[in-house]
N, C-alpha and C. Protein backbone atom coordinates (compact mmCIF):
# COMPACT_ATOMS: atom_id res chain seq x y z
N MET A 1 -57.14 25.80 37.33
CA MET A 1 -58.23 24.89 37.52
C MET A 1 -58.39 24.07 36.25
N VAL A 2 -58.50 22.77 36.39
CA VAL A 2 -58.65 21.88 35.26
C VAL A 2 -60.11 21.42 35.19
N HIS A 3 -60.70 21.53 34.01
CA HIS A 3 -62.08 21.10 33.82
C HIS A 3 -62.08 19.82 33.03
N THR A 4 -62.79 18.82 33.56
CA THR A 4 -62.90 17.56 32.85
C THR A 4 -64.35 17.11 32.88
N GLY A 5 -64.69 16.20 32.00
CA GLY A 5 -66.03 15.63 32.00
C GLY A 5 -67.01 16.45 31.18
N GLN A 6 -68.26 15.96 31.12
CA GLN A 6 -69.26 16.58 30.27
C GLN A 6 -69.69 17.96 30.72
N PHE A 7 -69.47 18.33 31.98
CA PHE A 7 -69.91 19.62 32.48
C PHE A 7 -68.83 20.68 32.40
N ALA A 8 -67.69 20.33 31.84
CA ALA A 8 -66.61 21.31 31.72
C ALA A 8 -67.01 22.42 30.77
N ASP A 9 -66.73 23.65 31.18
CA ASP A 9 -67.07 24.81 30.37
C ASP A 9 -66.04 25.89 30.70
N ALA A 10 -65.66 26.66 29.71
CA ALA A 10 -64.67 27.72 29.94
C ALA A 10 -65.16 28.66 31.03
N GLY A 11 -64.40 28.80 32.10
CA GLY A 11 -64.74 29.71 33.19
C GLY A 11 -65.73 29.15 34.20
N ALA A 12 -66.25 27.97 34.01
CA ALA A 12 -67.21 27.39 34.94
C ALA A 12 -66.49 26.52 35.95
N ALA A 13 -67.07 26.43 37.14
CA ALA A 13 -66.48 25.59 38.18
C ALA A 13 -66.76 24.13 37.88
N SER A 14 -65.85 23.28 38.25
CA SER A 14 -66.03 21.84 38.08
C SER A 14 -67.13 21.36 39.02
N VAL A 15 -67.86 20.33 38.62
CA VAL A 15 -68.93 19.77 39.43
C VAL A 15 -68.39 19.28 40.77
N SER A 16 -67.16 18.81 40.79
CA SER A 16 -66.60 18.25 42.01
C SER A 16 -66.06 19.31 42.98
N GLU A 17 -66.02 20.55 42.56
CA GLU A 17 -65.53 21.60 43.45
C GLU A 17 -66.58 21.94 44.49
N PRO A 18 -66.17 22.12 45.76
CA PRO A 18 -67.13 22.43 46.81
C PRO A 18 -67.70 23.84 46.66
N VAL A 19 -68.92 24.01 47.10
CA VAL A 19 -69.57 25.31 47.08
C VAL A 19 -69.25 26.01 48.39
N ASP A 20 -68.90 27.27 48.32
CA ASP A 20 -68.61 28.06 49.52
C ASP A 20 -69.94 28.57 50.06
N THR A 21 -70.58 27.78 50.93
CA THR A 21 -71.91 28.12 51.43
C THR A 21 -71.91 29.41 52.23
N LEU A 22 -70.81 29.72 52.91
CA LEU A 22 -70.74 30.96 53.67
C LEU A 22 -70.72 32.16 52.73
N ALA A 23 -70.00 32.06 51.62
CA ALA A 23 -69.97 33.16 50.65
C ALA A 23 -71.35 33.36 50.02
N VAL A 24 -72.05 32.27 49.73
CA VAL A 24 -73.40 32.37 49.18
C VAL A 24 -74.30 33.06 50.20
N GLY A 25 -74.20 32.66 51.43
CA GLY A 25 -75.01 33.27 52.49
C GLY A 25 -74.72 34.74 52.69
N HIS A 26 -73.45 35.10 52.68
CA HIS A 26 -73.08 36.52 52.84
C HIS A 26 -73.63 37.35 51.68
N ARG A 27 -73.56 36.79 50.50
CA ARG A 27 -74.08 37.52 49.33
C ARG A 27 -75.59 37.69 49.41
N LEU A 28 -76.27 36.64 49.83
CA LEU A 28 -77.71 36.71 50.01
C LEU A 28 -78.06 37.79 51.05
N ARG A 29 -77.36 37.78 52.18
CA ARG A 29 -77.61 38.79 53.23
C ARG A 29 -77.36 40.20 52.69
N HIS A 30 -76.28 40.36 51.95
CA HIS A 30 -75.94 41.68 51.39
C HIS A 30 -77.10 42.21 50.55
N PHE A 31 -77.61 41.39 49.63
CA PHE A 31 -78.71 41.83 48.77
C PHE A 31 -79.98 42.08 49.58
N ARG A 32 -80.25 41.23 50.57
CA ARG A 32 -81.45 41.40 51.40
C ARG A 32 -81.40 42.71 52.17
N VAL A 33 -80.28 42.97 52.83
CA VAL A 33 -80.13 44.19 53.62
C VAL A 33 -80.14 45.42 52.71
N GLN A 34 -79.49 45.32 51.56
CA GLN A 34 -79.46 46.42 50.60
C GLN A 34 -80.88 46.83 50.18
N ARG A 35 -81.78 45.88 50.15
CA ARG A 35 -83.17 46.14 49.76
C ARG A 35 -84.07 46.46 50.96
N GLY A 36 -83.47 46.49 52.15
CA GLY A 36 -84.22 46.83 53.35
C GLY A 36 -85.21 45.76 53.78
N MET A 37 -84.91 44.51 53.44
CA MET A 37 -85.81 43.40 53.77
C MET A 37 -85.36 42.69 55.03
N THR A 38 -86.32 42.20 55.79
CA THR A 38 -86.01 41.33 56.92
C THR A 38 -85.91 39.90 56.40
N GLN A 39 -85.36 39.02 57.22
CA GLN A 39 -85.33 37.61 56.85
C GLN A 39 -86.75 37.07 56.72
N GLU A 40 -87.64 37.55 57.57
CA GLU A 40 -89.03 37.11 57.53
C GLU A 40 -89.69 37.51 56.20
N ALA A 41 -89.46 38.74 55.76
CA ALA A 41 -90.06 39.21 54.51
C ALA A 41 -89.51 38.43 53.31
N LEU A 42 -88.21 38.19 53.30
CA LEU A 42 -87.61 37.42 52.21
C LEU A 42 -88.14 36.00 52.21
N ALA A 43 -88.20 35.41 53.39
CA ALA A 43 -88.70 34.03 53.50
C ALA A 43 -90.15 33.94 53.01
N ARG A 44 -90.97 34.88 53.41
CA ARG A 44 -92.38 34.87 52.99
C ARG A 44 -92.50 34.99 51.47
N ALA A 45 -91.71 35.88 50.87
CA ALA A 45 -91.76 36.08 49.42
C ALA A 45 -91.31 34.83 48.66
N ALA A 46 -90.41 34.05 49.26
CA ALA A 46 -89.88 32.85 48.60
C ALA A 46 -90.55 31.57 49.09
N SER A 47 -91.58 31.71 49.93
CA SER A 47 -92.30 30.56 50.49
C SER A 47 -91.37 29.63 51.28
N LEU A 48 -90.54 30.24 52.11
CA LEU A 48 -89.62 29.51 52.98
C LEU A 48 -89.83 29.99 54.41
N THR A 49 -89.10 29.40 55.35
CA THR A 49 -89.16 29.89 56.73
C THR A 49 -88.01 30.86 56.98
N ALA A 50 -88.21 31.76 57.91
CA ALA A 50 -87.15 32.71 58.28
C ALA A 50 -85.95 31.95 58.85
N LYS A 51 -86.21 30.86 59.56
CA LYS A 51 -85.12 30.06 60.12
C LYS A 51 -84.23 29.50 59.01
N PHE A 52 -84.87 29.02 57.92
CA PHE A 52 -84.10 28.48 56.81
C PHE A 52 -83.28 29.58 56.14
N VAL A 53 -83.84 30.75 55.96
CA VAL A 53 -83.09 31.88 55.38
C VAL A 53 -81.90 32.21 56.27
N SER A 54 -82.11 32.22 57.58
CA SER A 54 -81.02 32.48 58.52
C SER A 54 -79.91 31.43 58.38
N GLN A 55 -80.30 30.17 58.27
CA GLN A 55 -79.31 29.10 58.12
C GLN A 55 -78.52 29.26 56.83
N ILE A 56 -79.17 29.67 55.76
CA ILE A 56 -78.46 29.91 54.50
C ILE A 56 -77.48 31.06 54.67
N GLU A 57 -77.95 32.17 55.24
CA GLU A 57 -77.09 33.34 55.40
C GLU A 57 -75.89 33.07 56.28
N ASN A 58 -76.03 32.16 57.23
CA ASN A 58 -74.92 31.83 58.13
C ASN A 58 -74.09 30.65 57.68
N GLY A 59 -74.35 30.16 56.46
CA GLY A 59 -73.55 29.08 55.89
C GLY A 59 -73.76 27.74 56.53
N ARG A 60 -74.88 27.55 57.23
CA ARG A 60 -75.13 26.28 57.91
C ARG A 60 -75.76 25.23 57.00
N VAL A 61 -76.40 25.69 55.92
CA VAL A 61 -77.01 24.76 54.97
C VAL A 61 -76.57 25.13 53.56
N ASN A 62 -76.63 24.15 52.69
CA ASN A 62 -76.28 24.36 51.28
C ASN A 62 -77.59 24.32 50.49
N PRO A 63 -78.15 25.48 50.15
CA PRO A 63 -79.44 25.49 49.46
C PRO A 63 -79.33 24.97 48.04
N SER A 64 -80.40 24.37 47.57
CA SER A 64 -80.42 23.89 46.19
C SER A 64 -80.50 25.09 45.24
N ILE A 65 -80.23 24.84 43.99
CA ILE A 65 -80.35 25.88 42.97
C ILE A 65 -81.79 26.37 42.92
N ALA A 66 -82.75 25.46 43.08
CA ALA A 66 -84.17 25.84 43.05
C ALA A 66 -84.51 26.80 44.18
N VAL A 67 -83.98 26.55 45.37
CA VAL A 67 -84.23 27.44 46.51
C VAL A 67 -83.58 28.79 46.26
N LEU A 68 -82.35 28.79 45.78
CA LEU A 68 -81.69 30.07 45.48
C LEU A 68 -82.47 30.85 44.43
N ALA A 69 -82.98 30.15 43.43
CA ALA A 69 -83.77 30.82 42.40
C ALA A 69 -85.02 31.45 42.99
N ARG A 70 -85.69 30.75 43.91
CA ARG A 70 -86.88 31.32 44.56
C ARG A 70 -86.53 32.56 45.37
N LEU A 71 -85.42 32.49 46.10
CA LEU A 71 -84.99 33.64 46.91
C LEU A 71 -84.67 34.84 46.03
N VAL A 72 -83.95 34.59 44.96
CA VAL A 72 -83.51 35.68 44.09
C VAL A 72 -84.66 36.22 43.24
N ASN A 73 -85.39 35.33 42.59
CA ASN A 73 -86.43 35.77 41.66
C ASN A 73 -87.68 36.28 42.37
N ASN A 74 -88.14 35.58 43.40
CA ASN A 74 -89.37 35.96 44.08
C ASN A 74 -89.15 36.95 45.21
N GLY A 75 -88.05 36.78 45.94
CA GLY A 75 -87.80 37.63 47.09
C GLY A 75 -87.03 38.89 46.77
N LEU A 76 -85.86 38.72 46.18
CA LEU A 76 -84.98 39.86 45.93
C LEU A 76 -85.24 40.53 44.60
N ARG A 77 -85.85 39.80 43.68
CA ARG A 77 -86.17 40.32 42.34
C ARG A 77 -84.93 40.89 41.66
N THR A 78 -83.90 40.06 41.61
CA THR A 78 -82.64 40.46 40.97
C THR A 78 -82.01 39.21 40.38
N THR A 79 -80.80 39.35 39.84
CA THR A 79 -80.03 38.19 39.39
C THR A 79 -78.93 37.94 40.38
N PHE A 80 -78.49 36.72 40.48
CA PHE A 80 -77.47 36.30 41.46
C PHE A 80 -76.23 35.92 40.71
N SER A 81 -75.33 36.90 40.46
CA SER A 81 -74.11 36.59 39.71
C SER A 81 -72.88 36.81 40.54
């Protein structure tokens, strides 16, 4: 992988590389289920709708970093690495 431009960083993905929304969703579901949470409970904790959480988990939408931060910090109370 070649990194160019101002956002290039050792080991970081290039800005132009696509995000694997399905992988993000699967990871979110894994953490949610591991904590015994429903989509409704996670959505409520992050001030989102359960439908939106479902869409994220199924790779239908590409959530912003801010939304992921709300899900992780407020809902799952963990880090997303």
